[in-house]
Amino acid sequence: MAIMTREALRRALVSARPETPAPEGFRPCAVLVPILGGGEEPRLLFMERAAQPLDPHSGQISFPGGRREEGDADAAATASRETEEELGLPARVVEVLGRLEETLTPTGYCITPVVGWIERLPALRPDAREVAGVFDVPLARLADASCRFPRGEHRIGGRAFEVFEYRAAGRVIWGATARIVATLLALA
C-alpha cells in the first residue's frame, strides 16, 4: 500500500456523494475516522468502548462517535461533538477531509464516517464512563492481508455484507468499524 497522504485522501473524498438521510428504521449517527498524520506513516486512532451492561457495543473497538442530536448541523458536527465528549479531542485539531459511504448496523444505526486528519495529537482525556482505552494502528498494517480474517456474511437492511475482522495491536476490530476501515483502505 502506498502511504496515504492528506492530499490524496482529500482528492479521493471529493467525489463522495452528498450526505443522505438514514434509511427508514435506522437511527442516524456519525463517527470520526481519525488519521494521525504527524509521524513517519499515517495511523488510525481507535477506542475500546467501556463495559456497560445494557450497551450491545460494550467492550468493542470503535471510532469515536454517536447519535446525531437536533442541534448538530451535519455528520461532521455530530462526529466532532462526540469525539470531544468521548476522548477530549478538540475539533480545532481535526481537519475534516470528507465522508465515506454510510454503514448500516444490525442494531439499527446508520453510521456516517467522517474522515479527519490530525497532524499533532494533543494529550487525550478519555471519558472513563464511555472509553476503556485508546490505541492506534498504522494504516499499512491494516492494509496487510495477513491481518484480515473472514467471519461469514450478515444481512442488514435487506443487503448482504461480508463480515470480517482485523487483528492488530493485540485487538480484534470487526463489524461496522472493520467495514469502515476497509472502505477507507479501498481509497488508497
Foldseek 3Di string as FASTA:
>chain_A
DPFDDLVLLLVLQVPPDDDDDDPPQAFEKEAEFEWADQDPGIKTKWFQWDADPPDPSHRAIAGFMDGDDPPQPDRLSRRQVRCCQFWVFHPVQWDFSHWFAWDAAQVRHTYIYTYTYGNDGDHIDGDNNTTPGMDIGGLVLQVPPVQKAWDAWDDDPNDIDTWIWGQDPNHIHTDPRNVVSVRSNVSD
